[in-house]
Amino acid sequence: MKQFQVSKAAVKKATVRLGLSKAQAQNVLPKYAQGASFVWTLDSTSGSQSVYDNPREHVRLVIAENGTILDVFPADYALRWPHALSDDVLQSLKETTRNALIAERDAVHRKWCEVEVDFHANSYEIAKVRLALIDAADHEQAELSRKLAQLCTENKRLHIERSELRKERTEIERALVPYI
């Protein structure tokens, strides 16, 4: 389970926005982050930051790449302003967010499919080389073994890449749930 640190700014914002005490914020925000799902990545000059939603607790978190919680908002933060969004604007915002998440999910799925095809093509080549090794002469075995090692290394890389893409797609699908 990933460990999260809470920045001083996040504690201050949690006390104002969520009505928590400083001690509560220090203890509760990491728990909120544990149950949160990825929504999108923020472009930041100070490093990689991502937005996460925890639908159970109705909070949105901004978390740095190193696991530091930088900011926290109630999920309906925009609606707490004196001039709340109209129903049409709110519906449009939800629909735009849903469409963006679907487009991102589809792009990740397309990448995953491409890597999946490469992985299986590479696995096929490994099987062909192993079959050739059975009947190979002594002088051919060294070259085939070298080729097999290269193919296995590539297969491992492809496997890791497709696993990461599948994990990313799952996170996007979890973020999409509240909008469906």
N, C-alpha and C. Protein backbone atom coordinates (compact mmCIF):
# COMPACT_ATOMS: atom_id res chain seq x y z
N MET A 1 0.84 -1.17 0.00
CA MET A 1 0.00 0.00 0.00
C MET A 1 0.89 1.23 0.00
N LYS A 2 0.58 2.17 -0.88
CA LYS A 2 1.41 3.36 -1.02
C LYS A 2 1.25 4.27 0.19
N GLN A 3 2.36 4.85 0.63
CA GLN A 3 2.35 5.76 1.76
C GLN A 3 2.26 7.19 1.23
N PHE A 4 1.44 8.01 1.86
CA PHE A 4 1.26 9.39 1.45
C PHE A 4 1.69 10.32 2.58
N GLN A 5 2.32 11.44 2.20
CA GLN A 5 2.65 12.50 3.15
C GLN A 5 1.67 13.64 2.88
N VAL A 6 1.42 14.44 3.89
CA VAL A 6 0.49 15.56 3.75
C VAL A 6 1.26 16.86 3.90
N SER A 7 1.15 17.74 2.91
CA SER A 7 1.83 19.03 2.98
C SER A 7 1.10 19.95 3.95
N LYS A 8 1.82 20.95 4.44
CA LYS A 8 1.23 21.92 5.36
C LYS A 8 0.09 22.68 4.68
N ALA A 9 0.28 22.99 3.39
CA ALA A 9 -0.76 23.70 2.64
C ALA A 9 -2.03 22.86 2.54
N ALA A 10 -1.89 21.55 2.34
CA ALA A 10 -3.05 20.67 2.26
C ALA A 10 -3.79 20.61 3.59
N VAL A 11 -3.04 20.62 4.69
CA VAL A 11 -3.66 20.62 6.02
C VAL A 11 -4.48 21.90 6.21
N LYS A 12 -3.89 23.06 5.85
CA LYS A 12 -4.60 24.32 5.98
C LYS A 12 -5.87 24.33 5.14
N LYS A 13 -5.76 23.85 3.90
CA LYS A 13 -6.92 23.85 3.02
C LYS A 13 -7.98 22.88 3.50
N ALA A 14 -7.57 21.77 4.08
CA ALA A 14 -8.53 20.79 4.60
C ALA A 14 -9.28 21.36 5.79
N THR A 15 -8.60 22.16 6.61
CA THR A 15 -9.29 22.76 7.75
C THR A 15 -10.34 23.76 7.28
N VAL A 16 -10.03 24.52 6.24
CA VAL A 16 -10.97 25.52 5.73
C VAL A 16 -12.07 24.86 4.89
N ARG A 17 -11.68 24.02 3.94
CA ARG A 17 -12.64 23.49 2.98
C ARG A 17 -13.45 22.30 3.49
N LEU A 18 -12.86 21.49 4.34
CA LEU A 18 -13.54 20.28 4.81
C LEU A 18 -13.98 20.38 6.26
N GLY A 19 -13.54 21.43 6.96
CA GLY A 19 -13.92 21.61 8.35
C GLY A 19 -13.23 20.64 9.30
N LEU A 20 -12.04 20.18 8.94
CA LEU A 20 -11.29 19.26 9.79
C LEU A 20 -10.32 20.04 10.67
N SER A 21 -9.97 19.46 11.80
CA SER A 21 -8.91 20.05 12.61
C SER A 21 -7.57 19.67 11.98
N LYS A 22 -6.48 20.31 12.42
CA LYS A 22 -5.16 19.99 11.86
C LYS A 22 -4.80 18.53 12.09
N ALA A 23 -5.06 18.04 13.29
CA ALA A 23 -4.74 16.64 13.61
C ALA A 23 -5.57 15.68 12.77
N GLN A 24 -6.85 16.00 12.61
CA GLN A 24 -7.71 15.14 11.79
C GLN A 24 -7.21 15.12 10.34
N ALA A 25 -6.86 16.29 9.82
CA ALA A 25 -6.40 16.38 8.43
C ALA A 25 -5.16 15.53 8.22
N GLN A 26 -4.20 15.59 9.16
CA GLN A 26 -2.97 14.79 9.05
C GLN A 26 -3.29 13.30 8.98
N ASN A 27 -4.30 12.85 9.70
CA ASN A 27 -4.63 11.43 9.76
C ASN A 27 -5.58 10.99 8.65
N VAL A 28 -6.51 11.85 8.28
CA VAL A 28 -7.58 11.46 7.36
C VAL A 28 -7.17 11.58 5.89
N LEU A 29 -6.40 12.61 5.53
CA LEU A 29 -6.06 12.82 4.12
C LEU A 29 -5.32 11.63 3.50
N PRO A 30 -4.35 10.99 4.19
CA PRO A 30 -3.73 9.80 3.59
C PRO A 30 -4.75 8.67 3.36
N LYS A 31 -5.73 8.54 4.23
CA LYS A 31 -6.77 7.52 4.05
C LYS A 31 -7.63 7.85 2.83
N TYR A 32 -7.93 9.14 2.65
CA TYR A 32 -8.68 9.56 1.46
C TYR A 32 -7.90 9.22 0.20
N ALA A 33 -6.59 9.46 0.24
CA ALA A 33 -5.74 9.19 -0.92
C ALA A 33 -5.68 7.69 -1.23
N GLN A 34 -5.68 6.85 -0.18
CA GLN A 34 -5.63 5.40 -0.39
C GLN A 34 -6.84 4.92 -1.18
N GLY A 35 -8.01 5.51 -0.93
CA GLY A 35 -9.24 5.08 -1.59
C GLY A 35 -9.56 5.86 -2.85
N ALA A 36 -8.65 6.72 -3.30
CA ALA A 36 -8.92 7.58 -4.46
C ALA A 36 -8.49 6.91 -5.75
N SER A 37 -9.13 7.32 -6.85
CA SER A 37 -8.77 6.81 -8.17
C SER A 37 -8.30 7.97 -9.04
N PHE A 38 -7.39 7.65 -9.94
CA PHE A 38 -6.77 8.63 -10.83
C PHE A 38 -7.81 9.26 -11.75
N VAL A 39 -7.74 10.59 -11.92
CA VAL A 39 -8.63 11.29 -12.84
C VAL A 39 -7.84 11.84 -14.02
N TRP A 40 -6.83 12.68 -13.76
CA TRP A 40 -5.99 13.20 -14.82
C TRP A 40 -4.69 13.73 -14.25
N THR A 41 -3.74 13.99 -15.15
CA THR A 41 -2.44 14.51 -14.77
C THR A 41 -2.43 16.01 -15.01
N LEU A 42 -1.86 16.75 -14.08
CA LEU A 42 -1.72 18.20 -14.22
C LEU A 42 -0.35 18.52 -14.79
N ASP A 43 -0.30 19.48 -15.69
CA ASP A 43 0.99 19.97 -16.17
C ASP A 43 1.50 20.95 -15.14
N SER A 44 2.67 20.66 -14.61
CA SER A 44 3.20 21.48 -13.52
C SER A 44 4.67 21.74 -13.77
N THR A 45 5.11 22.94 -13.45
CA THR A 45 6.53 23.26 -13.59
C THR A 45 7.35 22.66 -12.47
N SER A 46 6.68 22.32 -11.35
CA SER A 46 7.42 21.80 -10.20
C SER A 46 7.45 20.28 -10.16
N GLY A 47 7.03 19.63 -11.20
CA GLY A 47 7.05 18.17 -11.24
C GLY A 47 5.68 17.62 -11.59
N SER A 48 5.59 16.34 -11.62
CA SER A 48 4.36 15.69 -12.02
C SER A 48 3.37 15.67 -10.87
N GLN A 49 2.16 16.13 -11.16
CA GLN A 49 1.08 16.12 -10.19
C GLN A 49 -0.15 15.53 -10.85
N SER A 50 -0.96 14.83 -10.08
CA SER A 50 -2.16 14.21 -10.62
C SER A 50 -3.34 14.50 -9.72
N VAL A 51 -4.51 14.47 -10.34
CA VAL A 51 -5.76 14.68 -9.61
C VAL A 51 -6.40 13.32 -9.38
N TYR A 52 -6.84 13.10 -8.16
CA TYR A 52 -7.49 11.86 -7.77
C TYR A 52 -8.83 12.19 -7.13
N ASP A 53 -9.81 11.34 -7.36
CA ASP A 53 -11.13 11.49 -6.73
C ASP A 53 -11.37 10.32 -5.80
N ASN A 54 -11.95 10.62 -4.64
CA ASN A 54 -12.42 9.59 -3.73
C ASN A 54 -13.93 9.77 -3.63
N PRO A 55 -14.70 9.01 -4.44
CA PRO A 55 -16.15 9.19 -4.47
C PRO A 55 -16.83 8.83 -3.15
N ARG A 56 -16.27 7.92 -2.40
CA ARG A 56 -16.88 7.52 -1.13
C ARG A 56 -16.85 8.67 -0.13
N GLU A 57 -15.74 9.41 -0.11
CA GLU A 57 -15.59 10.51 0.83
C GLU A 57 -15.96 11.86 0.22
N HIS A 58 -16.25 11.87 -1.08
CA HIS A 58 -16.64 13.08 -1.81
C HIS A 58 -15.56 14.15 -1.75
N VAL A 59 -14.32 13.74 -2.03
CA VAL A 59 -13.20 14.68 -2.07
C VAL A 59 -12.38 14.48 -3.33
N ARG A 60 -11.70 15.53 -3.73
CA ARG A 60 -10.77 15.50 -4.85
C ARG A 60 -9.42 15.93 -4.30
N LEU A 61 -8.38 15.17 -4.64
CA LEU A 61 -7.03 15.42 -4.11
C LEU A 61 -6.06 15.72 -5.25
N VAL A 62 -5.11 16.59 -4.99
CA VAL A 62 -3.99 16.81 -5.91
C VAL A 62 -2.77 16.21 -5.22
N ILE A 63 -2.17 15.21 -5.88
CA ILE A 63 -1.07 14.47 -5.27
C ILE A 63 0.15 14.55 -6.18
N ALA A 64 1.29 14.86 -5.59
CA ALA A 64 2.55 14.91 -6.33
C ALA A 64 3.04 13.50 -6.62
N GLU A 65 3.94 13.40 -7.57
CA GLU A 65 4.49 12.11 -7.98
C GLU A 65 5.15 11.37 -6.81
N ASN A 66 5.71 12.11 -5.87
CA ASN A 66 6.39 11.49 -4.73
C ASN A 66 5.44 11.06 -3.62
N GLY A 67 4.11 11.23 -3.82
CA GLY A 67 3.14 10.79 -2.83
C GLY A 67 2.75 11.85 -1.81
N THR A 68 3.11 13.10 -2.06
CA THR A 68 2.72 14.18 -1.15
C THR A 68 1.38 14.75 -1.58
N ILE A 69 0.45 14.82 -0.65
CA ILE A 69 -0.86 15.41 -0.92
C ILE A 69 -0.68 16.93 -0.85
N LEU A 70 -0.95 17.60 -1.98
CA LEU A 70 -0.71 19.03 -2.09
C LEU A 70 -1.95 19.87 -1.88
N ASP A 71 -3.12 19.34 -2.25
CA ASP A 71 -4.35 20.12 -2.17
C ASP A 71 -5.53 19.17 -2.01
N VAL A 72 -6.62 19.68 -1.46
CA VAL A 72 -7.82 18.88 -1.27
C VAL A 72 -9.04 19.78 -1.45
N PHE A 73 -10.06 19.25 -2.10
CA PHE A 73 -11.30 19.97 -2.34
C PHE A 73 -12.47 19.05 -2.03
N PRO A 74 -13.59 19.62 -1.61
CA PRO A 74 -14.80 18.80 -1.60
C PRO A 74 -15.18 18.51 -3.06
N ALA A 75 -15.80 17.39 -3.34
CA ALA A 75 -16.13 17.03 -4.72
C ALA A 75 -17.03 18.07 -5.36
N ASP A 76 -17.91 18.69 -4.60
CA ASP A 76 -18.82 19.69 -5.15
C ASP A 76 -18.35 21.10 -4.83
N TYR A 77 -17.05 21.32 -4.86
CA TYR A 77 -16.46 22.59 -4.47
C TYR A 77 -17.00 23.76 -5.28
N ALA A 78 -17.17 23.57 -6.59
CA ALA A 78 -17.67 24.65 -7.44
C ALA A 78 -19.08 25.05 -7.05
N LEU A 79 -19.86 24.13 -6.50
CA LEU A 79 -21.23 24.43 -6.13
C LEU A 79 -21.34 25.18 -4.81
N ARG A 80 -20.25 25.29 -4.06
CA ARG A 80 -20.28 25.97 -2.78
C ARG A 80 -20.10 27.47 -2.91
N TRP A 81 -19.80 27.94 -4.09
CA TRP A 81 -19.64 29.37 -4.29
C TRP A 81 -21.00 30.04 -4.23
N PRO A 82 -21.06 31.32 -3.87
CA PRO A 82 -22.35 32.01 -3.80
C PRO A 82 -23.10 31.98 -5.13
N HIS A 83 -22.37 32.03 -6.21
CA HIS A 83 -22.99 31.97 -7.54
C HIS A 83 -22.78 30.56 -8.08
N ALA A 84 -23.58 29.64 -7.58
CA ALA A 84 -23.42 28.24 -7.97
C ALA A 84 -23.68 28.09 -9.47
N LEU A 85 -23.10 27.07 -10.01
CA LEU A 85 -23.28 26.80 -11.43
C LEU A 85 -24.73 26.42 -11.72
N SER A 86 -25.20 26.83 -12.87
CA SER A 86 -26.57 26.45 -13.26
C SER A 86 -26.59 24.96 -13.59
N ASP A 87 -27.76 24.38 -13.62
CA ASP A 87 -27.89 22.96 -13.93
C ASP A 87 -27.36 22.64 -15.31
N ASP A 88 -27.59 23.55 -16.28
CA ASP A 88 -27.09 23.33 -17.64
C ASP A 88 -25.57 23.30 -17.68
N VAL A 89 -24.94 24.24 -16.98
CA VAL A 89 -23.48 24.30 -16.95
C VAL A 89 -22.92 23.08 -16.22
N LEU A 90 -23.55 22.72 -15.12
CA LEU A 90 -23.11 21.56 -14.36
C LEU A 90 -23.21 20.28 -15.20
N GLN A 91 -24.32 20.12 -15.90
CA GLN A 91 -24.51 18.95 -16.76
C GLN A 91 -23.48 18.94 -17.90
N SER A 92 -23.22 20.10 -18.45
CA SER A 92 -22.23 20.21 -19.52
C SER A 92 -20.84 19.85 -19.01
N LEU A 93 -20.51 20.31 -17.81
CA LEU A 93 -19.22 20.00 -17.20
C LEU A 93 -19.07 18.50 -16.97
N LYS A 94 -20.12 17.88 -16.44
CA LYS A 94 -20.09 16.44 -16.21
C LYS A 94 -19.94 15.68 -17.53
N GLU A 95 -20.68 16.11 -18.55
CA GLU A 95 -20.62 15.43 -19.84
C GLU A 95 -19.25 15.59 -20.49
N THR A 96 -18.68 16.79 -20.39
CA THR A 96 -17.35 17.02 -20.95
C THR A 96 -16.31 16.16 -20.24
N THR A 97 -16.40 16.09 -18.92
CA THR A 97 -15.47 15.27 -18.15
C THR A 97 -15.62 13.80 -18.54
N ARG A 98 -16.86 13.33 -18.64
CA ARG A 98 -17.11 11.94 -19.03
C ARG A 98 -16.53 11.66 -20.41
N ASN A 99 -16.79 12.56 -21.37
CA ASN A 99 -16.28 12.35 -22.73
C ASN A 99 -14.75 12.36 -22.77
N ALA A 100 -14.13 13.22 -21.97
CA ALA A 100 -12.66 13.27 -21.92
C ALA A 100 -12.11 11.97 -21.33
N LEU A 101 -12.74 11.46 -20.28
CA LEU A 101 -12.29 10.21 -19.68
C LEU A 101 -12.48 9.04 -20.63
N ILE A 102 -13.59 9.02 -21.36
CA ILE A 102 -13.82 7.95 -22.33
C ILE A 102 -12.78 8.00 -23.44
N ALA A 103 -12.47 9.21 -23.93
CA ALA A 103 -11.46 9.34 -24.99
C ALA A 103 -10.09 8.88 -24.49
N GLU A 104 -9.75 9.25 -23.26
CA GLU A 104 -8.46 8.83 -22.69
C GLU A 104 -8.43 7.31 -22.51
N ARG A 105 -9.53 6.75 -22.01
CA ARG A 105 -9.60 5.30 -21.82
C ARG A 105 -9.44 4.58 -23.16
N ASP A 106 -10.10 5.08 -24.20
CA ASP A 106 -10.01 4.45 -25.51
C ASP A 106 -8.60 4.54 -26.10
N ALA A 107 -7.93 5.68 -25.87
CA ALA A 107 -6.55 5.83 -26.36
C ALA A 107 -5.61 4.86 -25.65
N VAL A 108 -5.78 4.71 -24.34
CA VAL A 108 -4.95 3.77 -23.58
C VAL A 108 -5.26 2.34 -24.02
N HIS A 109 -6.53 2.04 -24.26
CA HIS A 109 -6.90 0.70 -24.71
C HIS A 109 -6.29 0.39 -26.08
N ARG A 110 -6.28 1.38 -26.95
CA ARG A 110 -5.69 1.19 -28.28
C ARG A 110 -4.19 0.89 -28.16
N LYS A 111 -3.49 1.64 -27.28
CA LYS A 111 -2.06 1.38 -27.05
C LYS A 111 -1.87 -0.03 -26.50
N TRP A 112 -2.73 -0.42 -25.55
CA TRP A 112 -2.64 -1.74 -24.95
C TRP A 112 -2.82 -2.82 -26.02
N CYS A 113 -3.78 -2.63 -26.93
CA CYS A 113 -4.00 -3.61 -28.00
C CYS A 113 -2.77 -3.75 -28.89
N GLU A 114 -2.14 -2.62 -29.22
CA GLU A 114 -0.94 -2.66 -30.05
C GLU A 114 0.19 -3.42 -29.34
N VAL A 115 0.38 -3.15 -28.06
CA VAL A 115 1.42 -3.84 -27.30
C VAL A 115 1.08 -5.31 -27.16
N GLU A 116 -0.21 -5.62 -26.98
CA GLU A 116 -0.65 -7.01 -26.87
C GLU A 116 -0.32 -7.79 -28.15
N VAL A 117 -0.56 -7.18 -29.31
CA VAL A 117 -0.23 -7.83 -30.59
C VAL A 117 1.28 -8.04 -30.70
N ASP A 118 2.07 -7.03 -30.34
CA ASP A 118 3.53 -7.16 -30.37
C ASP A 118 4.01 -8.26 -29.43
N PHE A 119 3.40 -8.33 -28.24
CA PHE A 119 3.77 -9.35 -27.26
C PHE A 119 3.52 -10.75 -27.82
N HIS A 120 2.36 -10.96 -28.41
CA HIS A 120 2.05 -12.29 -28.93
C HIS A 120 2.88 -12.63 -30.18
N ALA A 121 3.18 -11.64 -31.01
CA ALA A 121 4.06 -11.88 -32.15
C ALA A 121 5.45 -12.27 -31.67
N ASN A 122 5.92 -11.60 -30.64
CA ASN A 122 7.23 -11.92 -30.07
C ASN A 122 7.21 -13.31 -29.44
N SER A 123 6.11 -13.66 -28.77
CA SER A 123 5.98 -15.00 -28.18
C SER A 123 6.02 -16.07 -29.27
N TYR A 124 5.42 -15.77 -30.40
CA TYR A 124 5.44 -16.70 -31.54
C TYR A 124 6.88 -16.90 -32.03
N GLU A 125 7.63 -15.79 -32.11
CA GLU A 125 9.03 -15.88 -32.54
C GLU A 125 9.85 -16.70 -31.54
N ILE A 126 9.58 -16.54 -30.26
CA ILE A 126 10.28 -17.32 -29.24
C ILE A 126 10.00 -18.80 -29.44
N ALA A 127 8.75 -19.14 -29.69
CA ALA A 127 8.38 -20.55 -29.91
C ALA A 127 9.09 -21.10 -31.15
N LYS A 128 9.19 -20.31 -32.21
CA LYS A 128 9.88 -20.76 -33.42
C LYS A 128 11.36 -21.01 -33.16
N VAL A 129 11.99 -20.12 -32.40
CA VAL A 129 13.42 -20.27 -32.09
C VAL A 129 13.63 -21.50 -31.20
N ARG A 130 12.75 -21.70 -30.23
CA ARG A 130 12.88 -22.89 -29.36
C ARG A 130 12.72 -24.17 -30.16
N LEU A 131 11.82 -24.15 -31.12
CA LEU A 131 11.63 -25.32 -31.98
C LEU A 131 12.88 -25.54 -32.84
N ALA A 132 13.44 -24.46 -33.35
CA ALA A 132 14.66 -24.57 -34.16
C ALA A 132 15.84 -25.07 -33.32
N LEU A 133 15.87 -24.74 -32.03
CA LEU A 133 16.96 -25.18 -31.16
C LEU A 133 16.98 -26.70 -30.98
N ILE A 134 15.80 -27.30 -31.08
CA ILE A 134 15.72 -28.76 -30.89
C ILE A 134 16.53 -29.49 -31.94
N ASP A 135 16.42 -29.06 -33.19
CA ASP A 135 17.09 -29.74 -34.30
C ASP A 135 18.38 -29.05 -34.75
N ALA A 136 18.82 -28.03 -34.03
CA ALA A 136 19.98 -27.26 -34.47
C ALA A 136 21.28 -28.01 -34.21
N ALA A 137 22.22 -27.76 -35.10
CA ALA A 137 23.56 -28.31 -34.94
C ALA A 137 24.29 -27.48 -33.88
N ASP A 138 25.40 -28.01 -33.40
CA ASP A 138 26.14 -27.35 -32.33
C ASP A 138 26.54 -25.93 -32.67
N HIS A 139 27.00 -25.70 -33.89
CA HIS A 139 27.45 -24.37 -34.27
C HIS A 139 26.28 -23.38 -34.42
N GLU A 140 25.06 -23.85 -34.64
CA GLU A 140 23.89 -22.98 -34.76
C GLU A 140 23.26 -22.67 -33.40
N GLN A 141 23.50 -23.52 -32.42
CA GLN A 141 22.86 -23.36 -31.12
C GLN A 141 23.25 -22.07 -30.41
N ALA A 142 24.49 -21.67 -30.53
CA ALA A 142 24.94 -20.44 -29.87
C ALA A 142 24.21 -19.22 -30.43
N GLU A 143 24.10 -19.17 -31.75
CA GLU A 143 23.40 -18.04 -32.37
C GLU A 143 21.92 -18.04 -32.02
N LEU A 144 21.31 -19.22 -32.05
CA LEU A 144 19.89 -19.31 -31.69
C LEU A 144 19.65 -18.98 -30.21
N SER A 145 20.56 -19.39 -29.36
CA SER A 145 20.45 -19.07 -27.93
C SER A 145 20.55 -17.57 -27.70
N ARG A 146 21.44 -16.92 -28.42
CA ARG A 146 21.59 -15.47 -28.32
C ARG A 146 20.31 -14.77 -28.79
N LYS A 147 19.76 -15.25 -29.91
CA LYS A 147 18.51 -14.67 -30.43
C LYS A 147 17.37 -14.91 -29.44
N LEU A 148 17.33 -16.08 -28.83
CA LEU A 148 16.29 -16.40 -27.86
C LEU A 148 16.39 -15.48 -26.64
N ALA A 149 17.60 -15.20 -26.19
CA ALA A 149 17.79 -14.30 -25.04
C ALA A 149 17.29 -12.90 -25.36
N GLN A 150 17.57 -12.42 -26.58
CA GLN A 150 17.09 -11.10 -26.99
C GLN A 150 15.57 -11.07 -27.04
N LEU A 151 14.98 -12.11 -27.62
CA LEU A 151 13.52 -12.18 -27.72
C LEU A 151 12.86 -12.24 -26.33
N CYS A 152 13.46 -12.98 -25.42
CA CYS A 152 12.90 -13.09 -24.06
C CYS A 152 13.00 -11.75 -23.33
N THR A 153 14.09 -11.03 -23.52
CA THR A 153 14.23 -9.71 -22.91
C THR A 153 13.16 -8.76 -23.45
N GLU A 154 12.96 -8.80 -24.76
CA GLU A 154 11.93 -7.97 -25.39
C GLU A 154 10.54 -8.37 -24.89
N ASN A 155 10.31 -9.67 -24.74
CA ASN A 155 9.01 -10.15 -24.26
C ASN A 155 8.73 -9.66 -22.84
N LYS A 156 9.76 -9.65 -22.01
CA LYS A 156 9.59 -9.17 -20.64
C LYS A 156 9.23 -7.68 -20.64
N ARG A 157 9.91 -6.89 -21.48
CA ARG A 157 9.62 -5.47 -21.58
C ARG A 157 8.18 -5.25 -22.05
N LEU A 158 7.76 -6.00 -23.07
CA LEU A 158 6.40 -5.88 -23.59
C LEU A 158 5.37 -6.28 -22.53
N HIS A 159 5.68 -7.30 -21.76
CA HIS A 159 4.77 -7.75 -20.71
C HIS A 159 4.59 -6.66 -19.66
N ILE A 160 5.69 -6.04 -19.26
CA ILE A 160 5.62 -4.96 -18.27
C ILE A 160 4.82 -3.78 -18.83
N GLU A 161 5.08 -3.44 -20.08
CA GLU A 161 4.37 -2.32 -20.71
C GLU A 161 2.87 -2.58 -20.80
N ARG A 162 2.49 -3.78 -21.19
CA ARG A 162 1.05 -4.07 -21.32
C ARG A 162 0.40 -4.12 -19.94
N SER A 163 1.12 -4.56 -18.91
CA SER A 163 0.57 -4.56 -17.55
C SER A 163 0.34 -3.13 -17.06
N GLU A 164 1.29 -2.25 -17.33
CA GLU A 164 1.14 -0.85 -16.94
C GLU A 164 -0.04 -0.19 -17.66
N LEU A 165 -0.19 -0.49 -18.95
CA LEU A 165 -1.30 0.08 -19.70
C LEU A 165 -2.64 -0.46 -19.20
N ARG A 166 -2.67 -1.72 -18.86
CA ARG A 166 -3.92 -2.29 -18.32
C ARG A 166 -4.28 -1.64 -16.98
N LYS A 167 -3.27 -1.42 -16.15
CA LYS A 167 -3.48 -0.78 -14.85
C LYS A 167 -3.98 0.66 -15.05
N GLU A 168 -3.39 1.37 -15.99
CA GLU A 168 -3.80 2.74 -16.29
C GLU A 168 -5.24 2.77 -16.79
N ARG A 169 -5.59 1.83 -17.67
CA ARG A 169 -6.95 1.76 -18.19
C ARG A 169 -7.95 1.49 -17.06
N THR A 170 -7.59 0.63 -16.13
CA THR A 170 -8.46 0.32 -14.99
C THR A 170 -8.67 1.56 -14.13
N GLU A 171 -7.61 2.33 -13.88
CA GLU A 171 -7.74 3.56 -13.09
C GLU A 171 -8.66 4.56 -13.77
N ILE A 172 -8.54 4.68 -15.09
CA ILE A 172 -9.41 5.60 -15.83
C ILE A 172 -10.85 5.13 -15.75
N GLU A 173 -11.06 3.83 -15.87
CA GLU A 173 -12.43 3.30 -15.79
C GLU A 173 -13.03 3.54 -14.40
N ARG A 174 -12.21 3.45 -13.36
CA ARG A 174 -12.70 3.75 -12.02
C ARG A 174 -13.07 5.23 -11.88
N ALA A 175 -12.27 6.09 -12.48
CA ALA A 175 -12.57 7.53 -12.44
C ALA A 175 -13.82 7.86 -13.24
N LEU A 176 -14.13 7.04 -14.21
CA LEU A 176 -15.29 7.26 -15.08
C LEU A 176 -16.60 6.88 -14.41
N VAL A 177 -16.54 5.99 -13.45
CA VAL A 177 -17.75 5.45 -12.81
C VAL A 177 -18.73 6.53 -12.33
N PRO A 178 -18.27 7.58 -11.63
CA PRO A 178 -19.24 8.56 -11.14
C PRO A 178 -19.96 9.34 -12.27
N TYR A 179 -19.41 9.33 -13.47
CA TYR A 179 -19.98 10.10 -14.56
C TYR A 179 -20.91 9.30 -15.46
N ILE A 180 -21.04 8.01 -15.17
CA ILE A 180 -21.91 7.16 -16.01
C ILE A 180 -23.25 7.00 -15.34
